[in-house]
Amino acid sequence: MSDPIIPSQTPNVVVADPRVRKVANVILGIALVVFPTAAVLDGASVELDFSQWLIPATAVTSFLAGIFGLAVTAPNVPSKNSEV
């Protein structure tokens, strides 16, 4: 006999594994804290020049965070009418 199919409480999830969603979210979150911190240090110090990697890294991270939020996080948020 096969196992019964259990309906998902979040049927619109693009990334089904919650561990993958959590890891991706943590990685993006850390990058979104580290890069602005590096920008502040870069602006405050004459000796530092992070701009060669900081500008492209911030642009890519911001883009990925936006895509992740729209494609993974937003569809996973339960609606007001969903039964929990």
N, C-alpha and C. Protein backbone atom coordinates (compact mmCIF):
# COMPACT_ATOMS: atom_id res chain seq x y z
N MET A 1 0.83 -1.20 0.00
CA MET A 1 0.00 0.00 0.00
C MET A 1 0.87 1.25 0.00
N SER A 2 0.40 2.22 -0.67
CA SER A 2 1.13 3.48 -0.71
C SER A 2 0.70 4.39 0.43
N ASP A 3 1.59 5.29 0.78
CA ASP A 3 1.26 6.24 1.83
C ASP A 3 0.23 7.23 1.32
N PRO A 4 -0.68 7.66 2.19
CA PRO A 4 -1.67 8.65 1.74
C PRO A 4 -1.00 10.00 1.48
N ILE A 5 -1.50 10.72 0.52
CA ILE A 5 -0.97 12.05 0.21
C ILE A 5 -1.56 13.04 1.20
N ILE A 6 -0.67 13.71 1.91
CA ILE A 6 -1.11 14.70 2.90
C ILE A 6 -1.10 16.06 2.23
N PRO A 7 -2.23 16.77 2.24
CA PRO A 7 -2.24 18.08 1.59
C PRO A 7 -1.34 19.07 2.32
N SER A 8 -0.68 19.88 1.55
CA SER A 8 0.23 20.88 2.11
C SER A 8 -0.56 22.06 2.64
N GLN A 9 -0.09 22.62 3.76
CA GLN A 9 -0.72 23.82 4.29
C GLN A 9 -0.29 25.05 3.51
N THR A 10 0.75 24.91 2.75
CA THR A 10 1.25 25.99 1.90
C THR A 10 1.43 25.45 0.48
N PRO A 11 0.34 25.32 -0.27
CA PRO A 11 0.41 24.67 -1.57
C PRO A 11 1.18 25.45 -2.64
N ASN A 12 1.41 26.73 -2.45
CA ASN A 12 2.06 27.54 -3.47
C ASN A 12 3.57 27.66 -3.28
N VAL A 13 4.13 26.84 -2.42
CA VAL A 13 5.56 26.94 -2.12
C VAL A 13 6.38 26.51 -3.33
N VAL A 14 7.32 27.36 -3.70
CA VAL A 14 8.21 27.07 -4.83
C VAL A 14 9.33 26.15 -4.38
N VAL A 15 9.89 26.38 -3.20
CA VAL A 15 10.94 25.54 -2.63
C VAL A 15 10.29 24.75 -1.50
N ALA A 16 10.08 23.46 -1.74
CA ALA A 16 9.30 22.65 -0.80
C ALA A 16 10.04 22.35 0.50
N ASP A 17 11.33 22.19 0.46
CA ASP A 17 12.08 21.82 1.65
C ASP A 17 12.28 23.05 2.56
N PRO A 18 11.70 23.03 3.76
CA PRO A 18 11.83 24.21 4.64
C PRO A 18 13.27 24.47 5.07
N ARG A 19 14.11 23.43 5.11
CA ARG A 19 15.51 23.64 5.48
C ARG A 19 16.23 24.45 4.41
N VAL A 20 15.92 24.17 3.15
CA VAL A 20 16.54 24.92 2.05
C VAL A 20 16.09 26.38 2.10
N ARG A 21 14.80 26.60 2.35
CA ARG A 21 14.29 27.98 2.46
C ARG A 21 14.99 28.71 3.60
N LYS A 22 15.14 28.04 4.74
CA LYS A 22 15.76 28.68 5.90
C LYS A 22 17.23 29.01 5.63
N VAL A 23 17.97 28.07 5.06
CA VAL A 23 19.39 28.30 4.77
C VAL A 23 19.54 29.45 3.78
N ALA A 24 18.75 29.45 2.71
CA ALA A 24 18.83 30.53 1.72
C ALA A 24 18.50 31.87 2.35
N ASN A 25 17.48 31.89 3.21
CA ASN A 25 17.08 33.12 3.87
C ASN A 25 18.18 33.63 4.81
N VAL A 26 18.81 32.71 5.55
CA VAL A 26 19.88 33.11 6.47
C VAL A 26 21.08 33.64 5.69
N ILE A 27 21.45 32.96 4.60
CA ILE A 27 22.59 33.42 3.80
C ILE A 27 22.33 34.81 3.22
N LEU A 28 21.14 35.01 2.66
CA LEU A 28 20.80 36.33 2.12
C LEU A 28 20.75 37.38 3.22
N GLY A 29 20.20 37.01 4.38
CA GLY A 29 20.12 37.94 5.50
C GLY A 29 21.49 38.37 5.99
N ILE A 30 22.40 37.42 6.10
CA ILE A 30 23.77 37.76 6.53
C ILE A 30 24.43 38.68 5.52
N ALA A 31 24.28 38.37 4.23
CA ALA A 31 24.88 39.21 3.20
C ALA A 31 24.28 40.62 3.23
N LEU A 32 22.98 40.71 3.49
CA LEU A 32 22.32 42.02 3.51
C LEU A 32 22.67 42.82 4.76
N VAL A 33 23.32 42.21 5.73
CA VAL A 33 23.84 42.94 6.89
C VAL A 33 25.33 43.24 6.71
N VAL A 34 26.08 42.27 6.19
CA VAL A 34 27.53 42.42 6.05
C VAL A 34 27.89 43.48 5.01
N PHE A 35 27.23 43.47 3.85
CA PHE A 35 27.60 44.41 2.79
C PHE A 35 27.37 45.87 3.17
N PRO A 36 26.23 46.23 3.75
CA PRO A 36 26.10 47.63 4.19
C PRO A 36 27.09 48.00 5.30
N THR A 37 27.40 47.04 6.17
CA THR A 37 28.40 47.30 7.21
C THR A 37 29.75 47.58 6.57
N ALA A 38 30.11 46.79 5.56
CA ALA A 38 31.36 47.02 4.84
C ALA A 38 31.34 48.37 4.14
N ALA A 39 30.18 48.78 3.62
CA ALA A 39 30.07 50.09 2.96
C ALA A 39 30.29 51.22 3.96
N VAL A 40 29.76 51.07 5.16
CA VAL A 40 29.96 52.10 6.20
C VAL A 40 31.43 52.17 6.58
N LEU A 41 32.06 51.01 6.77
CA LEU A 41 33.49 51.00 7.10
C LEU A 41 34.32 51.60 5.97
N ASP A 42 33.95 51.27 4.74
CA ASP A 42 34.65 51.80 3.58
C ASP A 42 34.54 53.32 3.51
N GLY A 43 33.36 53.83 3.78
CA GLY A 43 33.16 55.27 3.74
C GLY A 43 33.83 56.00 4.89
N ALA A 44 33.99 55.32 6.02
CA ALA A 44 34.57 55.96 7.20
C ALA A 44 36.09 55.89 7.24
N SER A 45 36.68 55.03 6.41
CA SER A 45 38.13 54.85 6.46
C SER A 45 38.77 55.19 5.12
N VAL A 46 39.85 55.94 5.19
CA VAL A 46 40.59 56.31 3.98
C VAL A 46 41.38 55.10 3.46
N GLU A 47 41.84 54.25 4.37
CA GLU A 47 42.68 53.12 3.99
C GLU A 47 41.90 52.00 3.27
N LEU A 48 40.62 51.89 3.53
CA LEU A 48 39.83 50.81 2.95
C LEU A 48 39.23 51.22 1.61
N ASP A 49 39.21 50.29 0.69
CA ASP A 49 38.52 50.51 -0.58
C ASP A 49 37.88 49.19 -1.01
N PHE A 50 36.64 49.01 -0.59
CA PHE A 50 35.89 47.79 -0.89
C PHE A 50 35.04 47.93 -2.15
N SER A 51 35.08 49.08 -2.80
CA SER A 51 34.13 49.35 -3.88
C SER A 51 34.26 48.41 -5.07
N GLN A 52 35.43 47.86 -5.31
CA GLN A 52 35.61 46.95 -6.45
C GLN A 52 34.72 45.72 -6.36
N TRP A 53 34.52 45.19 -5.16
CA TRP A 53 33.68 44.01 -5.00
C TRP A 53 32.36 44.34 -4.31
N LEU A 54 32.33 45.42 -3.54
CA LEU A 54 31.14 45.73 -2.75
C LEU A 54 29.94 46.14 -3.61
N ILE A 55 30.17 46.95 -4.62
CA ILE A 55 29.06 47.42 -5.47
C ILE A 55 28.41 46.26 -6.22
N PRO A 56 29.19 45.42 -6.93
CA PRO A 56 28.54 44.29 -7.62
C PRO A 56 27.93 43.28 -6.65
N ALA A 57 28.60 43.02 -5.52
CA ALA A 57 28.07 42.06 -4.55
C ALA A 57 26.76 42.54 -3.95
N THR A 58 26.67 43.83 -3.66
CA THR A 58 25.43 44.38 -3.12
C THR A 58 24.32 44.33 -4.15
N ALA A 59 24.64 44.63 -5.39
CA ALA A 59 23.63 44.59 -6.45
C ALA A 59 23.10 43.18 -6.64
N VAL A 60 23.98 42.20 -6.70
CA VAL A 60 23.55 40.81 -6.90
C VAL A 60 22.76 40.31 -5.70
N THR A 61 23.24 40.61 -4.49
CA THR A 61 22.54 40.17 -3.28
C THR A 61 21.16 40.80 -3.18
N SER A 62 21.04 42.07 -3.48
CA SER A 62 19.73 42.73 -3.44
C SER A 62 18.78 42.12 -4.46
N PHE A 63 19.29 41.84 -5.65
CA PHE A 63 18.47 41.21 -6.69
C PHE A 63 18.00 39.83 -6.23
N LEU A 64 18.91 39.01 -5.71
CA LEU A 64 18.54 37.67 -5.26
C LEU A 64 17.57 37.71 -4.09
N ALA A 65 17.75 38.67 -3.18
CA ALA A 65 16.82 38.80 -2.05
C ALA A 65 15.43 39.17 -2.53
N GLY A 66 15.36 40.04 -3.53
CA GLY A 66 14.06 40.41 -4.09
C GLY A 66 13.38 39.25 -4.77
N ILE A 67 14.12 38.51 -5.58
CA ILE A 67 13.57 37.33 -6.24
C ILE A 67 13.13 36.29 -5.21
N PHE A 68 13.97 36.05 -4.21
CA PHE A 68 13.64 35.08 -3.16
C PHE A 68 12.37 35.49 -2.42
N GLY A 69 12.28 36.77 -2.11
CA GLY A 69 11.09 37.25 -1.40
C GLY A 69 9.82 37.10 -2.22
N LEU A 70 9.90 37.45 -3.50
CA LEU A 70 8.72 37.37 -4.36
C LEU A 70 8.36 35.95 -4.76
N ALA A 71 9.36 35.12 -5.03
CA ALA A 71 9.10 33.79 -5.54
C ALA A 71 8.99 32.71 -4.47
N VAL A 72 9.61 32.92 -3.31
CA VAL A 72 9.63 31.87 -2.29
C VAL A 72 8.89 32.30 -1.02
N THR A 73 9.24 33.46 -0.47
CA THR A 73 8.65 33.86 0.81
C THR A 73 7.19 34.28 0.67
N ALA A 74 6.89 35.16 -0.26
CA ALA A 74 5.51 35.67 -0.39
C ALA A 74 4.48 34.57 -0.65
N PRO A 75 4.73 33.62 -1.55
CA PRO A 75 3.74 32.57 -1.75
C PRO A 75 3.58 31.65 -0.54
N ASN A 76 4.55 31.63 0.35
CA ASN A 76 4.50 30.75 1.52
C ASN A 76 3.76 31.38 2.69
N VAL A 77 3.42 32.64 2.62
CA VAL A 77 2.70 33.29 3.70
C VAL A 77 1.24 32.89 3.63
N PRO A 78 0.71 32.31 4.72
CA PRO A 78 -0.70 31.90 4.70
C PRO A 78 -1.62 33.09 4.52
N SER A 79 -2.70 32.87 3.78
CA SER A 79 -3.67 33.95 3.59
C SER A 79 -4.58 34.05 4.82
N LYS A 80 -5.32 35.12 4.89
CA LYS A 80 -6.23 35.35 6.01
C LYS A 80 -7.29 34.25 6.08
N ASN A 81 -7.70 33.75 4.93
CA ASN A 81 -8.79 32.78 4.87
C ASN A 81 -8.33 31.35 5.04
N SER A 82 -7.02 31.09 5.10
CA SER A 82 -6.57 29.70 5.19
C SER A 82 -6.80 29.17 6.60
N GLU A 83 -7.14 27.91 6.64
CA GLU A 83 -7.36 27.26 7.94
C GLU A 83 -6.06 26.63 8.40
N VAL A 84 -5.69 26.90 9.63
CA VAL A 84 -4.44 26.36 10.16
C VAL A 84 -4.75 25.30 11.18
